[in-house]
Amino acid sequence: MPHQYPRYFQRVSEVFLSFLLLGFTSFGGPAAHLGYFNQTFIQRKKWASDVQYAQWVALSQIVPGPGSSQVGFALGYHRAGYLGGLAAFIGFTLPSFIVMVLLAQFGSHWQGNTVFDGVVHALKLLAVVVVADACVSMWRSFCQSKTMVAIALFSAAFIVFYPFGFASLIVLFMAACVGLLTPSVISAADEPLPKIRGAGFVFVLAISLFLVSFVLDTGLSGLFADFYQAGALVFGGGHVVLPMLSAFVADTVSDANLLLGYAAAQAVPGPMFTMASFLGASAAPEGANPWVWGVVATVAVFLSGLLLMLSAQSVWQGLSRHARFRSAVGSLNAAVVGILIAALYHPIGTSSLVGWWDVVAVGIGFVWLKYKRPPILLLISTFVLLGLARSYYSGF
């Protein structure tokens, strides 16, 4: 009804602004993003339940594409339909997209800046705090039996000791097998995932674009084809897609620019898949608008994963009526906890904790977050001030 439209668009704008804030501040890679999403949208805003969130995370690990962006898109859709999903994607991706295209145009004027480096390091410490909190929260929800505890610990250990690209997929496959072979004691979820309107069309669109991409090979259409294929075929997140994307533009982008883009993708907040923004803008021919090329590359690399996430969610919902599948989902949830624990250790912890002061800052931040639940903006502001103080102190 007409009077419902203002409320709906208010929800869409709320989704956009919430994800935009995280797009500016979510350093640390996909696992850290999942921690931020859990803290902001599940624990604080209550947009969805722990059970729903865990299913989205498990799906994002199985479906090819950018995991954290897929979860964000699913959260946005759950909150405000297709426009909500689009708002979540744009809000979360926009800040890093702008930074990466500017880097492609003007080079790195920020690298080596003491203040910038100090703030980035402090926000990486915040990522440790947020992911640790997510691990504790999800452990309590999904590791309530000895079997689930064993699955989570095995998953974490496997990925730590065997950190290859498909390790997460193998862990999830083994966990699902354990769940299928174990008598189910898990009842149907009280809050199932939302039904996706037009899921069949979404799936056909994703596959059709993939097939069509093989006949496009020049100009902007060729760029779209290459980056769409990369997004559709990559498992394992941004660290896996970066070298694949680099290979597509090796003839038009210098090695120095490739290294700059690779480093920047790991340093900027938001999704690492915005490496595509940098490479698309860098590959723009003389006289072409690099922003247009950056937009096409960005949309292409994300699109297949977002479409597949929605269509897979619909299938997942249908399967959830079966008891053994619910048992498998329980095991998958425990494995996801293990995957997050492994990511907390490496690369998040190993790349962020470089001294005892870092450990102290993370410990204090974790206790503050766990027991006081401060607003996310206050938490971010505090760590930014910590980074500024660090940079000021290091200048002497």
Protein backbone atom coordinates (compact mmCIF):
# COMPACT_ATOMS: atom_id res chain seq x y z
CA MET A 1 0.00 0.00 0.00
CA PRO A 2 1.15 3.61 -0.65
CA HIS A 3 1.53 4.49 3.03
CA GLN A 4 3.97 1.58 3.42
CA TYR A 5 6.44 2.97 0.86
CA PRO A 6 8.02 5.62 3.14
CA ARG A 7 8.67 2.98 5.81
CA TYR A 8 10.18 0.63 3.22
CA PHE A 9 12.51 3.25 1.78
CA GLN A 10 13.45 4.26 5.32
CA ARG A 11 14.59 0.65 5.82
CA VAL A 12 16.55 0.75 2.56
CA SER A 13 18.30 3.98 3.61
CA GLU A 14 19.03 2.49 7.04
CA VAL A 15 20.64 -0.52 5.37
CA PHE A 16 22.72 1.72 3.10
CA LEU A 17 23.98 4.00 5.89
CA SER A 18 24.78 1.09 8.22
CA PHE A 19 26.82 -0.70 5.58
CA LEU A 20 28.43 2.54 4.41
CA LEU A 21 29.81 3.12 7.91
CA LEU A 22 31.23 -0.40 7.93
CA GLY A 23 32.58 0.14 4.42
CA PHE A 24 34.71 2.98 5.80
CA THR A 25 35.91 1.13 8.90
CA SER A 26 35.92 -2.66 8.31
CA PHE A 27 39.61 -3.45 8.03
CA GLY A 28 40.99 -6.97 8.30
CA GLY A 29 39.55 -9.00 5.43
CA PRO A 30 36.49 -11.29 5.09
CA ALA A 31 36.63 -12.93 8.52
CA ALA A 32 36.83 -9.52 10.19
CA HIS A 33 33.88 -8.32 8.10
CA LEU A 34 31.81 -11.26 9.33
CA GLY A 35 32.70 -10.26 12.87
CA TYR A 36 31.60 -6.67 12.25
CA PHE A 37 28.34 -7.88 10.69
CA ASN A 38 27.66 -10.16 13.65
CA GLN A 39 28.35 -7.39 16.15
CA THR A 40 26.33 -4.72 14.30
CA PHE A 41 23.39 -6.50 12.71
CA ILE A 42 22.88 -9.62 14.85
CA GLN A 43 23.97 -8.67 18.37
CA ARG A 44 23.02 -4.97 18.35
CA LYS A 45 20.42 -4.24 15.68
CA LYS A 46 18.77 -7.72 15.87
CA TRP A 47 18.05 -7.77 12.13
CA ALA A 48 18.30 -11.57 12.09
CA SER A 49 18.90 -14.47 14.46
CA ASP A 50 22.16 -16.26 15.23
CA VAL A 51 20.80 -19.33 13.41
CA GLN A 52 20.02 -17.38 10.25
CA TYR A 53 23.38 -15.62 10.32
CA ALA A 54 25.28 -18.88 10.69
CA GLN A 55 23.44 -20.33 7.69
CA TRP A 56 24.37 -17.31 5.55
CA VAL A 57 28.00 -17.64 6.61
CA ALA A 58 28.00 -21.36 5.81
CA LEU A 59 26.42 -20.68 2.41
CA SER A 60 29.01 -18.01 1.64
CA GLN A 61 31.76 -20.54 2.23
CA ILE A 62 30.19 -23.01 -0.21
CA VAL A 63 29.04 -20.68 -3.00
CA PRO A 64 31.81 -19.15 -5.16
CA GLY A 65 32.34 -15.43 -4.86
CA PRO A 66 33.15 -12.79 -2.21
CA GLY A 67 32.07 -14.34 1.10
CA SER A 68 31.56 -11.32 3.34
CA SER A 69 29.85 -9.32 0.58
CA GLN A 70 27.50 -12.25 -0.02
CA VAL A 71 26.56 -12.32 3.66
CA GLY A 72 26.06 -8.55 3.65
CA PHE A 73 23.89 -8.79 0.54
CA ALA A 74 21.79 -11.52 2.17
CA LEU A 75 21.39 -9.39 5.30
CA GLY A 76 20.30 -6.41 3.21
CA TYR A 77 17.80 -8.55 1.29
CA HIS A 78 16.44 -9.95 4.55
CA ARG A 79 15.94 -6.44 5.88
CA ALA A 80 14.54 -4.67 2.79
CA GLY A 81 14.25 -6.99 -0.21
CA TYR A 82 16.20 -6.56 -3.43
CA LEU A 83 16.71 -2.83 -2.89
CA GLY A 84 18.02 -3.60 0.58
CA GLY A 85 20.51 -6.11 -0.83
CA LEU A 86 21.65 -3.58 -3.42
CA ALA A 87 21.94 -0.86 -0.76
CA ALA A 88 24.05 -3.15 1.43
CA PHE A 89 26.37 -3.99 -1.45
CA ILE A 90 26.81 -0.39 -2.60
CA GLY A 91 27.27 0.97 0.91
CA PHE A 92 29.87 -1.62 1.90
CA THR A 93 31.78 -1.48 -1.40
CA LEU A 94 31.68 2.24 -2.23
CA PRO A 95 34.47 3.54 0.07
CA SER A 96 37.08 1.00 -1.03
CA PHE A 97 35.96 1.35 -4.66
CA ILE A 98 36.65 5.11 -4.56
CA VAL A 99 40.03 4.64 -2.88
CA MET A 100 41.12 1.95 -5.34
CA VAL A 101 40.16 3.95 -8.44
CA LEU A 102 41.91 7.05 -7.06
CA LEU A 103 45.00 4.93 -6.45
CA ALA A 104 44.86 3.69 -10.02
CA GLN A 105 44.73 7.30 -11.25
CA PHE A 106 47.18 9.07 -8.97
CA GLY A 107 49.41 6.40 -7.41
CA SER A 108 50.12 5.88 -3.74
CA HIS A 109 50.37 9.24 -1.97
CA TRP A 110 49.34 7.70 1.33
CA GLN A 111 51.85 4.87 1.60
CA GLY A 112 54.51 5.64 4.15
CA ASN A 113 52.46 8.37 5.83
CA THR A 114 52.96 7.91 9.58
CA VAL A 115 49.47 9.06 10.59
CA PHE A 116 47.76 6.93 7.95
CA ASP A 117 49.80 3.84 8.87
CA GLY A 118 49.09 4.35 12.58
CA VAL A 119 45.33 4.61 12.09
CA VAL A 120 45.25 1.58 9.77
CA HIS A 121 47.20 -0.48 12.31
CA ALA A 122 44.83 0.50 15.12
CA LEU A 123 41.82 -0.47 13.01
CA LYS A 124 43.45 -3.84 12.34
CA LEU A 125 43.64 -4.27 16.12
CA LEU A 126 39.93 -3.46 16.29
CA ALA A 127 39.35 -6.21 13.72
CA VAL A 128 41.04 -8.68 16.09
CA VAL A 129 38.70 -7.59 18.89
CA VAL A 130 35.57 -7.90 16.76
CA VAL A 131 36.44 -11.30 15.29
CA ALA A 132 37.35 -12.66 18.73
CA ASP A 133 33.97 -11.51 20.03
CA ALA A 134 32.23 -13.18 17.07
CA CYS A 135 34.11 -16.41 17.71
CA VAL A 136 33.01 -16.47 21.37
CA SER A 137 29.40 -15.62 20.51
CA MET A 138 29.11 -18.23 17.75
CA TRP A 139 30.92 -20.86 19.84
CA ARG A 140 28.28 -20.51 22.55
CA SER A 141 25.50 -20.83 20.00
CA PHE A 142 26.79 -23.70 17.86
CA CYS A 143 29.27 -25.74 19.91
CA GLN A 144 27.01 -27.04 22.66
CA SER A 145 27.83 -30.75 22.28
CA LYS A 146 31.10 -32.68 22.32
CA THR A 147 30.67 -33.53 18.63
CA MET A 148 30.24 -29.89 17.63
CA VAL A 149 33.21 -28.85 19.78
CA ALA A 150 35.34 -31.51 18.09
CA ILE A 151 34.24 -30.36 14.62
CA ALA A 152 35.06 -26.73 15.41
CA LEU A 153 38.49 -27.53 16.85
CA PHE A 154 39.35 -29.91 14.01
CA SER A 155 38.28 -27.31 11.43
CA ALA A 156 40.42 -24.61 13.02
CA ALA A 157 43.46 -26.90 13.29
CA PHE A 158 43.11 -28.19 9.73
CA ILE A 159 43.06 -24.68 8.23
CA VAL A 160 45.91 -23.43 10.42
CA PHE A 161 48.19 -26.35 9.47
CA TYR A 162 46.99 -26.72 5.85
CA PRO A 163 46.19 -23.17 4.68
CA PHE A 164 45.66 -23.83 0.98
CA GLY A 165 42.93 -22.27 -1.17
CA PHE A 166 40.30 -25.00 -0.90
CA ALA A 167 40.90 -25.86 2.77
CA SER A 168 37.63 -24.26 3.88
CA LEU A 169 35.64 -26.23 1.30
CA ILE A 170 37.23 -29.50 2.39
CA VAL A 171 36.52 -28.75 6.05
CA LEU A 172 32.88 -27.91 5.28
CA PHE A 173 32.48 -31.06 3.19
CA MET A 174 33.83 -33.25 5.99
CA ALA A 175 31.63 -31.50 8.56
CA ALA A 176 28.53 -32.00 6.39
CA CYS A 177 29.34 -35.71 6.06
CA VAL A 178 29.60 -36.02 9.85
CA GLY A 179 26.22 -34.33 10.21
CA LEU A 180 24.56 -36.54 7.59
CA LEU A 181 25.89 -39.72 9.23
CA THR A 182 24.98 -38.63 12.75
CA PRO A 183 21.40 -39.17 14.00
CA SER A 184 19.74 -35.77 13.90
CA VAL A 185 18.69 -34.12 17.14
CA ILE A 186 18.28 -30.66 15.62
CA SER A 187 14.74 -29.35 15.18
CA ALA A 188 13.62 -27.08 12.37
CA ALA A 189 14.77 -23.49 12.84
CA ASP A 190 12.21 -21.17 14.41
CA GLU A 191 13.42 -18.38 12.12
CA PRO A 192 14.10 -19.84 8.66
CA LEU A 193 15.84 -17.92 5.93
CA PRO A 194 13.50 -15.68 3.92
CA LYS A 195 12.02 -16.99 0.71
CA ILE A 196 13.69 -15.44 -2.33
CA ARG A 197 11.33 -13.99 -4.92
CA GLY A 198 12.30 -15.00 -8.43
CA ALA A 199 15.06 -17.35 -7.27
CA GLY A 200 14.80 -19.47 -10.41
CA PHE A 201 15.22 -16.44 -12.66
CA VAL A 202 18.19 -15.26 -10.57
CA PHE A 203 19.93 -18.63 -11.02
CA VAL A 204 19.25 -18.71 -14.78
CA LEU A 205 20.58 -15.16 -15.08
CA ALA A 206 23.81 -16.07 -13.25
CA ILE A 207 24.45 -19.10 -15.49
CA SER A 208 23.44 -17.27 -18.69
CA LEU A 209 25.85 -14.41 -18.00
CA PHE A 210 28.60 -16.95 -17.35
CA LEU A 211 28.00 -18.68 -20.70
CA VAL A 212 27.73 -15.40 -22.61
CA SER A 213 30.99 -14.18 -21.07
CA PHE A 214 32.95 -16.68 -23.18
CA VAL A 215 32.00 -14.92 -26.42
CA LEU A 216 32.91 -11.41 -25.21
CA ASP A 217 36.56 -10.53 -25.66
CA THR A 218 37.10 -6.85 -26.51
CA GLY A 219 36.74 -3.48 -24.80
CA LEU A 220 34.43 -3.03 -21.87
CA SER A 221 32.47 -6.18 -22.71
CA GLY A 222 35.68 -8.22 -22.64
CA LEU A 223 36.62 -6.67 -19.29
CA PHE A 224 33.18 -7.58 -17.92
CA ALA A 225 33.55 -11.15 -19.22
CA ASP A 226 36.97 -11.74 -17.66
CA PHE A 227 36.03 -10.36 -14.27
CA TYR A 228 32.65 -12.09 -14.20
CA GLN A 229 34.35 -15.43 -14.84
CA ALA A 230 36.84 -14.74 -12.04
CA GLY A 231 34.06 -13.97 -9.56
CA ALA A 232 32.11 -17.07 -10.61
CA LEU A 233 35.01 -19.49 -10.31
CA VAL A 234 36.84 -18.37 -7.19
CA PHE A 235 36.52 -20.13 -3.83
CA GLY A 236 38.38 -18.94 -0.78
CA GLY A 237 37.88 -15.19 -0.85
CA GLY A 238 39.96 -12.21 -1.84
CA HIS A 239 43.40 -13.79 -1.39
CA VAL A 240 42.51 -16.32 -4.10
CA VAL A 241 40.92 -13.90 -6.58
CA LEU A 242 43.75 -11.35 -6.53
CA PRO A 243 46.27 -13.38 -8.58
CA MET A 244 43.48 -14.56 -10.93
CA LEU A 245 42.41 -10.98 -11.68
CA SER A 246 46.01 -9.88 -12.10
CA ALA A 247 46.51 -12.48 -14.83
CA PHE A 248 43.62 -11.01 -16.86
CA VAL A 249 45.22 -7.55 -17.08
CA ALA A 250 48.90 -8.50 -17.09
CA ASP A 251 49.28 -7.20 -20.66
CA THR A 252 47.85 -3.75 -19.93
CA VAL A 253 48.87 -3.07 -16.29
CA SER A 254 52.52 -2.80 -15.23
CA ASP A 255 54.02 -5.09 -12.60
CA ALA A 256 54.57 -2.08 -10.32
CA ASN A 257 50.87 -1.17 -10.52
CA LEU A 258 49.85 -4.78 -9.93
CA LEU A 259 51.90 -4.86 -6.73
CA LEU A 260 50.44 -1.52 -5.64
CA GLY A 261 46.90 -2.78 -6.23
CA TYR A 262 47.59 -6.03 -4.41
CA ALA A 263 48.95 -4.20 -1.37
CA ALA A 264 46.15 -1.63 -1.41
CA ALA A 265 43.41 -4.30 -1.59
CA GLN A 266 44.70 -5.75 1.67
CA ALA A 267 45.07 -2.35 3.34
CA VAL A 268 41.79 -0.60 2.52
CA PRO A 269 38.57 -1.26 4.45
CA GLY A 270 35.75 -3.24 2.88
CA PRO A 271 35.92 -6.18 0.45
CA MET A 272 39.24 -7.25 -1.06
CA PHE A 273 37.42 -7.92 -4.34
CA THR A 274 37.68 -4.18 -5.01
CA MET A 275 41.10 -5.09 -6.39
CA ALA A 276 38.91 -5.33 -9.51
CA SER A 277 38.16 -1.60 -9.23
CA PHE A 278 41.86 -0.79 -9.29
CA LEU A 279 42.64 -3.16 -12.16
CA GLY A 280 39.64 -2.06 -14.22
CA ALA A 281 40.60 1.60 -13.89
CA SER A 282 44.26 0.81 -14.59
CA ALA A 283 43.34 -1.15 -17.73
CA ALA A 284 41.34 1.74 -19.21
CA PRO A 285 42.83 2.65 -22.61
CA GLU A 286 44.09 6.14 -23.42
CA GLY A 287 41.20 8.61 -23.49
CA ALA A 288 38.72 6.28 -21.74
CA ASN A 289 37.10 7.17 -18.42
CA PRO A 290 38.82 5.08 -15.71
CA TRP A 291 35.80 5.41 -13.41
CA VAL A 292 33.56 3.70 -15.99
CA TRP A 293 36.08 0.89 -16.42
CA GLY A 294 36.37 0.59 -12.64
CA VAL A 295 32.60 0.35 -12.23
CA VAL A 296 32.27 -2.33 -14.94
CA ALA A 297 35.07 -4.44 -13.44
CA THR A 298 33.64 -4.08 -9.91
CA VAL A 299 30.09 -5.01 -10.88
CA ALA A 300 31.34 -7.96 -12.93
CA VAL A 301 33.50 -9.53 -10.22
CA PHE A 302 30.78 -9.27 -7.55
CA LEU A 303 27.68 -10.00 -9.62
CA SER A 304 27.88 -13.77 -10.04
CA GLY A 305 28.55 -14.38 -6.34
CA LEU A 306 25.60 -12.22 -5.25
CA LEU A 307 23.22 -13.88 -7.73
CA LEU A 308 24.38 -17.37 -6.74
CA MET A 309 24.01 -16.52 -3.04
CA LEU A 310 20.33 -15.67 -3.49
CA SER A 311 19.49 -18.69 -5.63
CA ALA A 312 21.42 -21.05 -3.32
CA GLN A 313 19.59 -19.60 -0.33
CA SER A 314 16.30 -20.65 -1.88
CA VAL A 315 17.53 -24.23 -2.37
CA TRP A 316 18.96 -24.26 1.15
CA GLN A 317 15.58 -23.24 2.54
CA GLY A 318 13.84 -26.16 0.81
CA LEU A 319 16.36 -28.69 2.07
CA SER A 320 16.06 -27.44 5.66
CA ARG A 321 12.79 -29.35 6.05
CA HIS A 322 14.75 -32.64 6.11
CA ALA A 323 16.08 -33.80 9.47
CA ARG A 324 19.43 -35.09 8.23
CA PHE A 325 20.06 -31.89 6.33
CA ARG A 326 19.41 -29.91 9.53
CA SER A 327 21.94 -32.15 11.25
CA ALA A 328 24.43 -31.38 8.47
CA VAL A 329 23.72 -27.65 8.89
CA GLY A 330 24.51 -27.96 12.60
CA SER A 331 27.86 -29.50 11.74
CA LEU A 332 28.48 -26.82 9.11
CA ASN A 333 27.80 -24.12 11.70
CA ALA A 334 30.39 -25.65 14.03
CA ALA A 335 32.89 -25.84 11.15
CA VAL A 336 32.27 -22.16 10.38
CA VAL A 337 33.20 -21.34 13.98
CA GLY A 338 36.44 -23.24 13.45
CA ILE A 339 37.11 -21.38 10.20
CA LEU A 340 36.67 -18.05 12.00
CA ILE A 341 38.98 -19.15 14.83
CA ALA A 342 41.63 -20.09 12.26
CA ALA A 343 41.24 -16.71 10.53
CA LEU A 344 41.51 -14.97 13.91
CA TYR A 345 44.92 -16.57 14.31
CA HIS A 346 46.03 -16.08 10.70
CA PRO A 347 45.98 -13.74 8.89
CA ILE A 348 44.19 -11.35 11.28
CA GLY A 349 46.17 -11.93 14.46
CA THR A 350 49.56 -12.61 12.92
CA SER A 351 49.41 -9.47 10.77
CA SER A 352 48.06 -7.17 13.50
CA LEU A 353 49.70 -8.13 16.80
CA VAL A 354 53.31 -7.02 16.44
CA GLY A 355 54.10 -6.09 20.04
CA TRP A 356 52.97 -6.37 23.65
CA TRP A 357 51.17 -3.03 23.49
CA ASP A 358 49.02 -4.43 20.70
CA VAL A 359 48.12 -7.44 22.84
CA VAL A 360 47.19 -5.15 25.74
CA ALA A 361 45.06 -2.91 23.50
CA VAL A 362 43.23 -5.91 22.05
CA GLY A 363 42.66 -7.40 25.51
CA ILE A 364 41.18 -4.18 26.88
CA GLY A 365 39.08 -3.70 23.74
CA PHE A 366 37.74 -7.25 23.93
CA VAL A 367 36.70 -6.92 27.59
CA TRP A 368 35.08 -3.54 26.86
CA LEU A 369 33.15 -4.93 23.90
CA LYS A 370 32.17 -8.15 25.67
CA TYR A 371 30.82 -6.66 28.86
CA LYS A 372 29.81 -3.08 28.01
CA ARG A 373 28.68 -3.42 24.37
CA PRO A 374 29.58 0.15 23.34
CA PRO A 375 28.13 1.57 20.10
CA ILE A 376 30.23 0.50 17.12
CA LEU A 377 30.97 4.15 16.23
CA LEU A 378 32.38 4.79 19.73
CA LEU A 379 34.49 1.65 19.45
CA ILE A 380 35.86 2.71 16.08
CA SER A 381 36.53 6.28 17.25
CA THR A 382 38.47 5.02 20.27
CA PHE A 383 40.75 2.87 18.16
CA VAL A 384 41.25 5.68 15.63
CA LEU A 385 42.41 7.92 18.50
CA LEU A 386 44.68 5.10 19.63
CA GLY A 387 46.15 5.00 16.11
CA LEU A 388 46.69 8.77 16.08
CA ALA A 389 48.42 8.59 19.45
CA ARG A 390 50.60 5.75 18.19
CA SER A 391 51.61 7.72 15.10
CA TYR A 392 52.38 10.84 17.18
CA TYR A 393 54.50 8.83 19.61
CA SER A 394 56.40 7.08 16.81
CA GLY A 395 57.29 10.44 15.32
CA PHE A 396 59.66 11.15 18.21
